[in-house]
Amino acid sequence: MGRFTDINAQEWKTVRPDVAQGVLGTTILNEGITMTVTRVLPGNGFTAHRDAYGHLLYFLSGSGVVGVAGEETAIRPGLAVRIQGGEEHYYRNTGTDELTLVSVNIPGNGR
């Protein structure tokens, strides 16, 4: 990826079909951390799962629910969610429009 990138012109790939359905992503950074712009189709998302690495999720548009370590909250634009490595987490698009977010994968336990 160059200095300036049109995200809409990037290739969108299915994300984690082992734990997700209807989730597409395009990676914009993969240098120590991985940053992916993610689109979730209505009625779809990630099932509860755990990863060895941490995450930072930043929701750009849409609505849904996100859960981390037994806590759940409504997704809205501007919501940021920190997930430590090993914590159970999920998110789902419960709206009628696409849910978009930036997902940052943090090596190690993400602390």
PDB file of N, CA and C in Angstrom:
ATOM      1  N   MET A   1       0.834  -1.168   0.000  1.00  0.00           N
ATOM      2  CA  MET A   1       0.000   0.000   0.000  1.00  0.00           C
ATOM      3  C   MET A   1       0.880   1.232   0.000  1.00  0.00           C
ATOM      4  N   GLY A   2       0.515   2.199  -0.791  1.00  0.00           N
ATOM      5  CA  GLY A   2       1.280   3.429  -0.883  1.00  0.00           C
ATOM      6  C   GLY A   2       0.918   4.424   0.200  1.00  0.00           C
ATOM      7  N   ARG A   3       1.472   5.593   0.088  1.00  0.00           N
ATOM      8  CA  ARG A   3       1.226   6.649   1.059  1.00  0.00           C
ATOM      9  C   ARG A   3      -0.255   7.027   1.109  1.00  0.00           C
ATOM     10  N   PHE A   4      -0.893   7.113  -0.057  1.00  0.00           N
ATOM     11  CA  PHE A   4      -2.320   7.434  -0.150  1.00  0.00           C
ATOM     12  C   PHE A   4      -3.026   6.252  -0.797  1.00  0.00           C
ATOM     13  N   THR A   5      -4.118   5.820  -0.207  1.00  0.00           N
ATOM     14  CA  THR A   5      -4.815   4.644  -0.718  1.00  0.00           C
ATOM     15  C   THR A   5      -6.317   4.871  -0.678  1.00  0.00           C
ATOM     16  N   ASP A   6      -6.974   4.562  -1.771  1.00  0.00           N
ATOM     17  CA  ASP A   6      -8.430   4.579  -1.824  1.00  0.00           C
ATOM     18  C   ASP A   6      -8.908   3.217  -1.329  1.00  0.00           C
ATOM     19  N   ILE A   7      -9.443   3.183  -0.120  1.00  0.00           N
ATOM     20  CA  ILE A   7      -9.866   1.919   0.488  1.00  0.00           C
ATOM     21  C   ILE A   7     -10.896   1.212  -0.382  1.00  0.00           C
ATOM     22  N   ASN A   8     -11.786   1.975  -1.023  1.00  0.00           N
ATOM     23  CA  ASN A   8     -12.826   1.369  -1.846  1.00  0.00           C
ATOM     24  C   ASN A   8     -12.272   0.654  -3.070  1.00  0.00           C
ATOM     25  N   ALA A   9     -11.054   1.008  -3.483  1.00  0.00           N
ATOM     26  CA  ALA A   9     -10.438   0.373  -4.648  1.00  0.00           C
ATOM     27  C   ALA A   9      -9.618  -0.862  -4.263  1.00  0.00           C
ATOM     28  N   GLN A  10      -9.511  -1.141  -2.963  1.00  0.00           N
ATOM     29  CA  GLN A  10      -8.727  -2.287  -2.497  1.00  0.00           C
ATOM     30  C   GLN A  10      -9.498  -3.588  -2.653  1.00  0.00           C
ATOM     31  N   GLU A  11      -8.773  -4.701  -2.643  1.00  0.00           N
ATOM     32  CA  GLU A  11      -9.397  -6.020  -2.697  1.00  0.00           C
ATOM     33  C   GLU A  11      -9.950  -6.358  -1.307  1.00  0.00           C
ATOM     34  N   TRP A  12     -11.224  -6.712  -1.248  1.00  0.00           N
ATOM     35  CA  TRP A  12     -11.878  -7.106   0.002  1.00  0.00           C
ATOM     36  C   TRP A  12     -11.910  -8.628   0.068  1.00  0.00           C
ATOM     37  N   LYS A  13     -11.418  -9.177   1.165  1.00  0.00           N
ATOM     38  CA  LYS A  13     -11.340 -10.628   1.325  1.00  0.00           C
ATOM     39  C   LYS A  13     -12.186 -11.068   2.521  1.00  0.00           C
ATOM     40  N   THR A  14     -12.669 -12.298   2.446  1.00  0.00           N
ATOM     41  CA  THR A  14     -13.395 -12.882   3.573  1.00  0.00           C
ATOM     42  C   THR A  14     -12.461 -12.951   4.772  1.00  0.00           C
ATOM     43  N   VAL A  15     -12.969 -12.553   5.933  1.00  0.00           N
ATOM     44  CA  VAL A  15     -12.175 -12.517   7.161  1.00  0.00           C
ATOM     45  C   VAL A  15     -12.585 -13.667   8.075  1.00  0.00           C
ATOM     46  N   ARG A  16     -11.626 -14.437   8.536  1.00  0.00           N
ATOM     47  CA  ARG A  16     -11.772 -15.465   9.569  1.00  0.00           C
ATOM     48  C   ARG A  16     -13.041 -16.315   9.434  1.00  0.00           C
ATOM     49  N   PRO A  17     -13.198 -17.049   8.335  1.00  0.00           N
ATOM     50  CA  PRO A  17     -14.408 -17.856   8.172  1.00  0.00           C
ATOM     51  C   PRO A  17     -14.590 -18.923   9.256  1.00  0.00           C
ATOM     52  N   ASP A  18     -13.544 -19.190  10.024  1.00  0.00           N
ATOM     53  CA  ASP A  18     -13.659 -20.150  11.129  1.00  0.00           C
ATOM     54  C   ASP A  18     -14.509 -19.609  12.279  1.00  0.00           C
ATOM     55  N   VAL A  19     -14.577 -18.278  12.434  1.00  0.00           N
ATOM     56  CA  VAL A  19     -15.336 -17.681  13.542  1.00  0.00           C
ATOM     57  C   VAL A  19     -16.229 -16.517  13.096  1.00  0.00           C
ATOM     58  N   ALA A  20     -16.284 -16.247  11.794  1.00  0.00           N
ATOM     59  CA  ALA A  20     -17.073 -15.115  11.311  1.00  0.00           C
ATOM     60  C   ALA A  20     -17.843 -15.476  10.056  1.00  0.00           C
ATOM     61  N   GLN A  21     -18.919 -14.753   9.842  1.00  0.00           N
ATOM     62  CA  GLN A  21     -19.716 -14.919   8.633  1.00  0.00           C
ATOM     63  C   GLN A  21     -20.113 -13.523   8.157  1.00  0.00           C
ATOM     64  N   GLY A  22     -20.028 -13.302   6.830  1.00  0.00           N
ATOM     65  CA  GLY A  22     -20.426 -12.019   6.266  1.00  0.00           C
ATOM     66  C   GLY A  22     -19.510 -10.881   6.637  1.00  0.00           C
ATOM     67  N   VAL A  23     -18.215 -11.190   6.879  1.00  0.00           N
ATOM     68  CA  VAL A  23     -17.227 -10.180   7.272  1.00  0.00           C
ATOM     69  C   VAL A  23     -16.152 -10.110   6.196  1.00  0.00           C
ATOM     70  N   LEU A  24     -15.922  -8.900   5.679  1.00  0.00           N
ATOM     71  CA  LEU A  24     -14.916  -8.665   4.647  1.00  0.00           C
ATOM     72  C   LEU A  24     -13.906  -7.655   5.158  1.00  0.00           C
ATOM     73  N   GLY A  25     -12.644  -7.795   4.725  1.00  0.00           N
ATOM     74  CA  GLY A  25     -11.626  -6.864   5.190  1.00  0.00           C
ATOM     75  C   GLY A  25     -10.581  -6.579   4.135  1.00  0.00           C
ATOM     76  N   THR A  26      -9.930  -5.433   4.298  1.00  0.00           N
ATOM     77  CA  THR A  26      -8.769  -5.098   3.482  1.00  0.00           C
ATOM     78  C   THR A  26      -7.693  -4.558   4.426  1.00  0.00           C
ATOM     79  N   THR A  27      -6.524  -5.184   4.409  1.00  0.00           N
ATOM     80  CA  THR A  27      -5.426  -4.809   5.305  1.00  0.00           C
ATOM     81  C   THR A  27      -4.722  -3.576   4.762  1.00  0.00           C
ATOM     82  N   ILE A  28      -4.570  -2.571   5.629  1.00  0.00           N
ATOM     83  CA  ILE A  28      -3.915  -1.327   5.214  1.00  0.00           C
ATOM     84  C   ILE A  28      -2.556  -1.130   5.889  1.00  0.00           C
ATOM     85  N   LEU A  29      -2.242  -1.963   6.880  1.00  0.00           N
ATOM     86  CA  LEU A  29      -0.933  -1.901   7.527  1.00  0.00           C
ATOM     87  C   LEU A  29      -0.623  -3.279   8.079  1.00  0.00           C
ATOM     88  N   ASN A  30       0.611  -3.740   7.825  1.00  0.00           N
ATOM     89  CA  ASN A  30       1.050  -5.026   8.352  1.00  0.00           C
ATOM     90  C   ASN A  30       2.537  -4.934   8.657  1.00  0.00           C
ATOM     91  N   GLU A  31       2.851  -4.099   9.644  1.00  0.00           N
ATOM     92  CA  GLU A  31       4.248  -3.850  10.028  1.00  0.00           C
ATOM     93  C   GLU A  31       4.365  -3.887  11.547  1.00  0.00           C
ATOM     94  N   GLY A  32       4.377  -5.075  12.112  1.00  0.00           N
ATOM     95  CA  GLY A  32       4.414  -5.214  13.567  1.00  0.00           C
ATOM     96  C   GLY A  32       3.013  -5.316  14.133  1.00  0.00           C
ATOM     97  N   ILE A  33       2.149  -4.388  13.778  1.00  0.00           N
ATOM     98  CA  ILE A  33       0.731  -4.510  14.054  1.00  0.00           C
ATOM     99  C   ILE A  33       0.029  -4.680  12.719  1.00  0.00           C
ATOM    100  N   THR A  34      -1.180  -5.227  12.771  1.00  0.00           N
ATOM    101  CA  THR A  34      -1.972  -5.363  11.558  1.00  0.00           C
ATOM    102  C   THR A  34      -3.206  -4.487  11.705  1.00  0.00           C
ATOM    103  N   MET A  35      -3.454  -3.634  10.719  1.00  0.00           N
ATOM    104  CA  MET A  35      -4.621  -2.762  10.724  1.00  0.00           C
ATOM    105  C   MET A  35      -5.468  -3.108   9.506  1.00  0.00           C
ATOM    106  N   THR A  36      -6.737  -3.436   9.759  1.00  0.00           N
ATOM    107  CA  THR A  36      -7.643  -3.869   8.701  1.00  0.00           C
ATOM    108  C   THR A  36      -8.918  -3.045   8.745  1.00  0.00           C
ATOM    109  N   VAL A  37      -9.327  -2.516   7.595  1.00  0.00           N
ATOM    110  CA  VAL A  37     -10.648  -1.903   7.482  1.00  0.00           C
ATOM    111  C   VAL A  37     -11.608  -3.051   7.225  1.00  0.00           C
ATOM    112  N   THR A  38     -12.672  -3.119   8.026  1.00  0.00           N
ATOM    113  CA  THR A  38     -13.569  -4.267   8.027  1.00  0.00           C
ATOM    114  C   THR A  38     -15.002  -3.832   7.755  1.00  0.00           C
ATOM    115  N   ARG A  39     -15.691  -4.623   6.930  1.00  0.00           N
ATOM    116  CA  ARG A  39     -17.113  -4.403   6.624  1.00  0.00           C
ATOM    117  C   ARG A  39     -17.885  -5.641   7.066  1.00  0.00           C
ATOM    118  N   VAL A  40     -18.970  -5.430   7.789  1.00  0.00           N
ATOM    119  CA  VAL A  40     -19.800  -6.533   8.264  1.00  0.00           C
ATOM    120  C   VAL A  40     -21.197  -6.348   7.674  1.00  0.00           C
ATOM    121  N   LEU A  41     -21.647  -7.342   6.930  1.00  0.00           N
ATOM    122  CA  LEU A  41     -22.964  -7.283   6.310  1.00  0.00           C
ATOM    123  C   LEU A  41     -24.057  -7.406   7.368  1.00  0.00           C
ATOM    124  N   PRO A  42     -25.228  -6.818   7.131  1.00  0.00           N
ATOM    125  CA  PRO A  42     -26.322  -6.902   8.111  1.00  0.00           C
ATOM    126  C   PRO A  42     -26.613  -8.348   8.514  1.00  0.00           C
ATOM    127  N   GLY A  43     -26.820  -8.544   9.823  1.00  0.00           N
ATOM    128  CA  GLY A  43     -27.129  -9.867  10.350  1.00  0.00           C
ATOM    129  C   GLY A  43     -25.938 -10.784  10.524  1.00  0.00           C
ATOM    130  N   ASN A  44     -24.734 -10.279  10.314  1.00  0.00           N
ATOM    131  CA  ASN A  44     -23.523 -11.106  10.373  1.00  0.00           C
ATOM    132  C   ASN A  44     -22.534 -10.563  11.396  1.00  0.00           C
ATOM    133  N   GLY A  45     -21.432 -11.282  11.569  1.00  0.00           N
ATOM    134  CA  GLY A  45     -20.392 -10.842  12.487  1.00  0.00           C
ATOM    135  C   GLY A  45     -19.526 -11.989  12.953  1.00  0.00           C
ATOM    136  N   PHE A  46     -18.848 -11.759  14.065  1.00  0.00           N
ATOM    137  CA  PHE A  46     -17.965 -12.738  14.689  1.00  0.00           C
ATOM    138  C   PHE A  46     -18.684 -13.444  15.825  1.00  0.00           C
ATOM    139  N   THR A  47     -18.524 -14.756  15.918  1.00  0.00           N
ATOM    140  CA  THR A  47     -19.002 -15.491  17.081  1.00  0.00           C
ATOM    141  C   THR A  47     -17.974 -15.316  18.206  1.00  0.00           C
ATOM    142  N   ALA A  48     -18.373 -15.663  19.413  1.00  0.00           N
ATOM    143  CA  ALA A  48     -17.466 -15.544  20.555  1.00  0.00           C
ATOM    144  C   ALA A  48     -16.240 -16.423  20.333  1.00  0.00           C
ATOM    145  N   HIS A  49     -15.073 -15.830  20.513  1.00  0.00           N
ATOM    146  CA  HIS A  49     -13.813 -16.559  20.335  1.00  0.00           C
ATOM    147  C   HIS A  49     -12.709 -15.848  21.110  1.00  0.00           C
ATOM    148  N   ARG A  50     -11.555 -16.472  21.179  1.00  0.00           N
ATOM    149  CA  ARG A  50     -10.376 -15.907  21.845  1.00  0.00           C
ATOM    150  C   ARG A  50      -9.205 -15.937  20.874  1.00  0.00           C
ATOM    151  N   ASP A  51      -8.357 -14.923  20.955  1.00  0.00           N
ATOM    152  CA  ASP A  51      -7.135 -14.865  20.167  1.00  0.00           C
ATOM    153  C   ASP A  51      -5.953 -14.678  21.108  1.00  0.00           C
ATOM    154  N   ALA A  52      -4.784 -15.137  20.694  1.00  0.00           N
ATOM    155  CA  ALA A  52      -3.578 -14.982  21.510  1.00  0.00           C
ATOM    156  C   ALA A  52      -3.091 -13.533  21.520  1.00  0.00           C
ATOM    157  N   TYR A  53      -3.517 -12.751  20.547  1.00  0.00           N
ATOM    158  CA  TYR A  53      -3.104 -11.353  20.417  1.00  0.00           C
ATOM    159  C   TYR A  53      -4.257 -10.437  20.805  1.00  0.00           C
ATOM    160  N   GLY A  54      -3.926  -9.178  21.109  1.00  0.00           N
ATOM    161  CA  GLY A  54      -4.939  -8.195  21.474  1.00  0.00           C
ATOM    162  C   GLY A  54      -5.511  -7.489  20.262  1.00  0.00           C
ATOM    163  N   HIS A  55      -6.574  -6.729  20.490  1.00  0.00           N
ATOM    164  CA  HIS A  55      -7.218  -5.960  19.434  1.00  0.00           C
ATOM    165  C   HIS A  55      -7.561  -4.563  19.949  1.00  0.00           C
ATOM    166  N   LEU A  56      -7.645  -3.639  19.026  1.00  0.00           N
ATOM    167  CA  LEU A  56      -8.312  -2.359  19.245  1.00  0.00           C
ATOM    168  C   LEU A  56      -9.292  -2.232  18.088  1.00  0.00           C
ATOM    169  N   LEU A  57     -10.581  -2.131  18.400  1.00  0.00           N
ATOM    170  CA  LEU A  57     -11.615  -1.975  17.386  1.00  0.00           C
ATOM    171  C   LEU A  57     -12.127  -0.542  17.440  1.00  0.00           C
ATOM    172  N   TYR A  58     -12.222   0.119  16.289  1.00  0.00           N
ATOM    173  CA  TYR A  58     -12.765   1.475  16.218  1.00  0.00           C
ATOM    174  C   TYR A  58     -13.876   1.471  15.180  1.00  0.00           C
ATOM    175  N   PHE A  59     -15.111   1.660  15.637  1.00  0.00           N
ATOM    176  CA  PHE A  59     -16.278   1.566  14.778  1.00  0.00           C
ATOM    177  C   PHE A  59     -16.543   2.894  14.070  1.00  0.00           C
ATOM    178  N   LEU A  60     -16.690   2.819  12.756  1.00  0.00           N
ATOM    179  CA  LEU A  60     -16.867   4.002  11.907  1.00  0.00           C
ATOM    180  C   LEU A  60     -18.324   4.273  11.561  1.00  0.00           C
ATOM    181  N   SER A  61     -19.099   3.213  11.283  1.00  0.00           N
ATOM    182  CA  SER A  61     -20.501   3.398  10.908  1.00  0.00           C
ATOM    183  C   SER A  61     -21.281   2.126  11.193  1.00  0.00           C
ATOM    184  N   GLY A  62     -22.595   2.265  11.256  1.00  0.00           N
ATOM    185  CA  GLY A  62     -23.463   1.129  11.474  1.00  0.00           C
ATOM    186  C   GLY A  62     -23.837   0.962  12.932  1.00  0.00           C
ATOM    187  N   SER A  63     -24.510  -0.152  13.211  1.00  0.00           N
ATOM    188  CA  SER A  63     -24.944  -0.436  14.579  1.00  0.00           C
ATOM    189  C   SER A  63     -24.860  -1.936  14.822  1.00  0.00           C
ATOM    190  N   GLY A  64     -24.798  -2.290  16.083  1.00  0.00           N
ATOM    191  CA  GLY A  64     -24.697  -3.687  16.446  1.00  0.00           C
ATOM    192  C   GLY A  64     -24.412  -3.837  17.914  1.00  0.00           C
ATOM    193  N   VAL A  65     -23.842  -4.982  18.281  1.00  0.00           N
ATOM    194  CA  VAL A  65     -23.427  -5.235  19.656  1.00  0.00           C
ATOM    195  C   VAL A  65     -22.013  -5.798  19.636  1.00  0.00           C
ATOM    196  N   VAL A  66     -21.266  -5.469  20.690  1.00  0.00           N
ATOM    197  CA  VAL A  66     -19.914  -5.995  20.855  1.00  0.00           C
ATOM    198  C   VAL A  66     -19.797  -6.486  22.295  1.00  0.00           C
ATOM    199  N   GLY A  67     -19.179  -7.653  22.450  1.00  0.00           N
ATOM    200  CA  GLY A  67     -18.991  -8.210  23.776  1.00  0.00           C
ATOM    201  C   GLY A  67     -17.536  -8.556  24.020  1.00  0.00           C
ATOM    202  N   VAL A  68     -17.091  -8.283  25.254  1.00  0.00           N
ATOM    203  CA  VAL A  68     -15.724  -8.602  25.671  1.00  0.00           C
ATOM    204  C   VAL A  68     -15.767  -9.081  27.115  1.00  0.00           C
ATOM    205  N   ALA A  69     -15.237 -10.272  27.349  1.00  0.00           N
ATOM    206  CA  ALA A  69     -15.071 -10.803  28.702  1.00  0.00           C
ATOM    207  C   ALA A  69     -16.365 -10.718  29.520  1.00  0.00           C
ATOM    208  N   GLY A  70     -17.494 -11.054  28.890  1.00  0.00           N
ATOM    209  CA  GLY A  70     -18.758 -11.083  29.605  1.00  0.00           C
ATOM    210  C   GLY A  70     -19.517  -9.771  29.647  1.00  0.00           C
ATOM    211  N   GLU A  71     -18.934  -8.692  29.153  1.00  0.00           N
ATOM    212  CA  GLU A  71     -19.615  -7.396  29.088  1.00  0.00           C
ATOM    213  C   GLU A  71     -20.049  -7.134  27.653  1.00  0.00           C
ATOM    214  N   GLU A  72     -21.223  -6.514  27.472  1.00  0.00           N
ATOM    215  CA  GLU A  72     -21.732  -6.216  26.138  1.00  0.00           C
ATOM    216  C   GLU A  72     -22.195  -4.764  26.084  1.00  0.00           C
ATOM    217  N   THR A  73     -21.982  -4.121  24.922  1.00  0.00           N
ATOM    218  CA  THR A  73     -22.452  -2.752  24.728  1.00  0.00           C
ATOM    219  C   THR A  73     -22.886  -2.570  23.285  1.00  0.00           C
ATOM    220  N   ALA A  74     -23.678  -1.528  23.063  1.00  0.00           N
ATOM    221  CA  ALA A  74     -24.152  -1.213  21.716  1.00  0.00           C
ATOM    222  C   ALA A  74     -23.024  -0.574  20.911  1.00  0.00           C
ATOM    223  N   ILE A  75     -22.932  -0.973  19.660  1.00  0.00           N
ATOM    224  CA  ILE A  75     -21.965  -0.371  18.740  1.00  0.00           C
ATOM    225  C   ILE A  75     -22.582   0.897  18.169  1.00  0.00           C
ATOM    226  N   ARG A  76     -21.774   1.939  18.095  1.00  0.00           N
ATOM    227  CA  ARG A  76     -22.153   3.205  17.470  1.00  0.00           C
ATOM    228  C   ARG A  76     -20.899   3.824  16.879  1.00  0.00           C
ATOM    229  N   PRO A  77     -21.037   4.669  15.877  1.00  0.00           N
ATOM    230  CA  PRO A  77     -19.853   5.333  15.312  1.00  0.00           C
ATOM    231  C   PRO A  77     -19.084   6.077  16.407  1.00  0.00           C
ATOM    232  N   GLY A  78     -17.776   5.894  16.409  1.00  0.00           N
ATOM    233  CA  GLY A  78     -16.913   6.542  17.390  1.00  0.00           C
ATOM    234  C   GLY A  78     -16.564   5.674  18.577  1.00  0.00           C
ATOM    235  N   LEU A  79     -17.198   4.508  18.708  1.00  0.00           N
ATOM    236  CA  LEU A  79     -16.892   3.606  19.819  1.00  0.00           C
ATOM    237  C   LEU A  79     -15.556   2.917  19.586  1.00  0.00           C
ATOM    238  N   ALA A  80     -14.699   2.937  20.597  1.00  0.00           N
ATOM    239  CA  ALA A  80     -13.425   2.206  20.561  1.00  0.00           C
ATOM    240  C   ALA A  80     -13.478   1.122  21.628  1.00  0.00           C
ATOM    241  N   VAL A  81     -12.983  -0.065  21.293  1.00  0.00           N
ATOM    242  CA  VAL A  81     -13.029  -1.212  22.207  1.00  0.00           C
ATOM    243  C   VAL A  81     -11.642  -1.829  22.273  1.00  0.00           C
ATOM    244  N   ARG A  82     -11.109  -1.994  23.486  1.00  0.00           N
ATOM    245  CA  ARG A  82      -9.806  -2.616  23.699  1.00  0.00           C
ATOM    246  C   ARG A  82     -10.012  -4.046  24.174  1.00  0.00           C
ATOM    247  N   ILE A  83      -9.360  -4.998  23.533  1.00  0.00           N
ATOM    248  CA  ILE A  83      -9.480  -6.411  23.872  1.00  0.00           C
ATOM    249  C   ILE A  83      -8.084  -6.951  24.142  1.00  0.00           C
ATOM    250  N   GLN A  84      -7.879  -7.523  25.312  1.00  0.00           N
ATOM    251  CA  GLN A  84      -6.596  -8.125  25.658  1.00  0.00           C
ATOM    252  C   GLN A  84      -6.490  -9.506  25.020  1.00  0.00           C
ATOM    253  N   GLY A  85      -5.274  -9.933  24.741  1.00  0.00           N
ATOM    254  CA  GLY A  85      -5.070 -11.287  24.247  1.00  0.00           C
ATOM    255  C   GLY A  85      -5.662 -12.295  25.213  1.00  0.00           C
ATOM    256  N   GLY A  86      -6.383 -13.303  24.708  1.00  0.00           N
ATOM    257  CA  GLY A  86      -6.971 -14.329  25.543  1.00  0.00           C
ATOM    258  C   GLY A  86      -8.388 -14.034  26.016  1.00  0.00           C
ATOM    259  N   GLU A  87      -8.856 -12.788  25.876  1.00  0.00           N
ATOM    260  CA  GLU A  87     -10.221 -12.458  26.296  1.00  0.00           C
ATOM    261  C   GLU A  87     -11.238 -12.910  25.246  1.00  0.00           C
ATOM    262  N   GLU A  88     -12.335 -13.497  25.700  1.00  0.00           N
ATOM    263  CA  GLU A  88     -13.399 -13.864  24.778  1.00  0.00           C
ATOM    264  C   GLU A  88     -14.072 -12.591  24.265  1.00  0.00           C
ATOM    265  N   HIS A  89     -14.352 -12.568  22.957  1.00  0.00           N
ATOM    266  CA  HIS A  89     -14.963 -11.375  22.360  1.00  0.00           C
ATOM    267  C   HIS A  89     -15.739 -11.740  21.104  1.00  0.00           C
ATOM    268  N   TYR A  90     -16.650 -10.838  20.719  1.00  0.00           N
ATOM    269  CA  TYR A  90     -17.469 -11.011  19.513  1.00  0.00           C
ATOM    270  C   TYR A  90     -18.048  -9.650  19.127  1.00  0.00           C
ATOM    271  N   TYR A  91     -18.504  -9.535  17.909  1.00  0.00           N
ATOM    272  CA  TYR A  91     -19.351  -8.406  17.522  1.00  0.00           C
ATOM    273  C   TYR A  91     -20.251  -8.817  16.378  1.00  0.00           C
ATOM    274  N   ARG A  92     -21.439  -8.183  16.345  1.00  0.00           N
ATOM    275  CA  ARG A  92     -22.444  -8.506  15.351  1.00  0.00           C
ATOM    276  C   ARG A  92     -23.095  -7.234  14.833  1.00  0.00           C
ATOM    277  N   ASN A  93     -23.421  -7.242  13.566  1.00  0.00           N
ATOM    278  CA  ASN A  93     -24.171  -6.162  12.944  1.00  0.00           C
ATOM    279  C   ASN A  93     -25.652  -6.482  13.129  1.00  0.00           C
ATOM    280  N   THR A  94     -26.351  -5.681  13.922  1.00  0.00           N
ATOM    281  CA  THR A  94     -27.781  -5.895  14.147  1.00  0.00           C
ATOM    282  C   THR A  94     -28.624  -4.890  13.363  1.00  0.00           C
ATOM    283  N   GLY A  95     -27.966  -4.052  12.578  1.00  0.00           N
ATOM    284  CA  GLY A  95     -28.680  -3.032  11.815  1.00  0.00           C
ATOM    285  C   GLY A  95     -29.028  -3.498  10.409  1.00  0.00           C
ATOM    286  N   THR A  96     -29.533  -2.548   9.618  1.00  0.00           N
ATOM    287  CA  THR A  96     -29.917  -2.831   8.233  1.00  0.00           C
ATOM    288  C   THR A  96     -28.873  -2.341   7.236  1.00  0.00           C
ATOM    289  N   ASP A  97     -27.875  -1.602   7.714  1.00  0.00           N
ATOM    290  CA  ASP A  97     -26.783  -1.112   6.868  1.00  0.00           C
ATOM    291  C   ASP A  97     -25.493  -1.834   7.229  1.00  0.00           C
ATOM    292  N   GLU A  98     -24.505  -1.714   6.365  1.00  0.00           N
ATOM    293  CA  GLU A  98     -23.194  -2.294   6.641  1.00  0.00           C
ATOM    294  C   GLU A  98     -22.599  -1.670   7.902  1.00  0.00           C
ATOM    295  N   LEU A  99     -21.919  -2.477   8.685  1.00  0.00           N
ATOM    296  CA  LEU A  99     -21.155  -2.030   9.846  1.00  0.00           C
ATOM    297  C   LEU A  99     -19.710  -1.919   9.396  1.00  0.00           C
ATOM    298  N   THR A 100     -19.059  -0.784   9.642  1.00  0.00           N
ATOM    299  CA  THR A 100     -17.656  -0.630   9.255  1.00  0.00           C
ATOM    300  C   THR A 100     -16.817  -0.256  10.470  1.00  0.00           C
ATOM    301  N   LEU A 101     -15.595  -0.783  10.479  1.00  0.00           N
ATOM    302  CA  LEU A 101     -14.694  -0.518  11.583  1.00  0.00           C
ATOM    303  C   LEU A 101     -13.257  -0.681  11.132  1.00  0.00           C
ATOM    304  N   VAL A 102     -12.358  -0.176  11.953  1.00  0.00           N
ATOM    305  CA  VAL A 102     -10.926  -0.437  11.792  1.00  0.00           C
ATOM    306  C   VAL A 102     -10.537  -1.368  12.924  1.00  0.00           C
ATOM    307  N   SER A 103      -9.925  -2.495  12.571  1.00  0.00           N
ATOM    308  CA  SER A 103      -9.475  -3.474  13.544  1.00  0.00           C
ATOM    309  C   SER A 103      -7.944  -3.478  13.547  1.00  0.00           C
ATOM    310  N   VAL A 104      -7.384  -3.263  14.727  1.00  0.00           N
ATOM    311  CA  VAL A 104      -5.929  -3.291  14.893  1.00  0.00           C
ATOM    312  C   VAL A 104      -5.574  -4.517  15.732  1.00  0.00           C
ATOM    313  N   ASN A 105      -4.769  -5.400  15.170  1.00  0.00           N
ATOM    314  CA  ASN A 105      -4.286  -6.571  15.900  1.00  0.00           C
ATOM    315  C   ASN A 105      -2.940  -6.223  16.506  1.00  0.00           C
ATOM    316  N   ILE A 106      -2.840  -6.441  17.825  1.00  0.00           N
ATOM    317  CA  ILE A 106      -1.657  -6.047  18.583  1.00  0.00           C
ATOM    318  C   ILE A 106      -0.907  -7.305  18.995  1.00  0.00           C
ATOM    319  N   PRO A 107       0.359  -7.457  18.600  1.00  0.00           N
ATOM    320  CA  PRO A 107       1.106  -8.674  18.941  1.00  0.00           C
ATOM    321  C   PRO A 107       1.175  -8.915  20.440  1.00  0.00           C
ATOM    322  N   GLY A 108       1.381 -10.159  20.799  1.00  0.00           N
ATOM    323  CA  GLY A 108       1.468 -10.519  22.204  1.00  0.00           C
ATOM    324  C   GLY A 108       0.094 -10.479  22.832  1.00  0.00           C
ATOM    325  N   ASN A 109       0.026 -10.069  24.092  1.00  0.00           N
ATOM    326  CA  ASN A 109      -1.274 -10.070  24.758  1.00  0.00           C
ATOM    327  C   ASN A 109      -2.015  -8.753  24.591  1.00  0.00           C
ATOM    328  N   GLY A 110      -1.431  -7.781  23.890  1.00  0.00           N
ATOM    329  CA  GLY A 110      -2.107  -6.529  23.599  1.00  0.00           C
ATOM    330  C   GLY A 110      -2.192  -5.571  24.764  1.00  0.00           C
ATOM    331  N   ARG A 111      -1.375  -5.794  25.773  1.00  0.00           N
ATOM    332  CA  ARG A 111      -1.412  -4.910  26.959  1.00  0.00           C
ATOM    333  C   ARG A 111      -0.484  -3.744  26.810  1.00  0.00           C
TER     334      ARG A 111
END
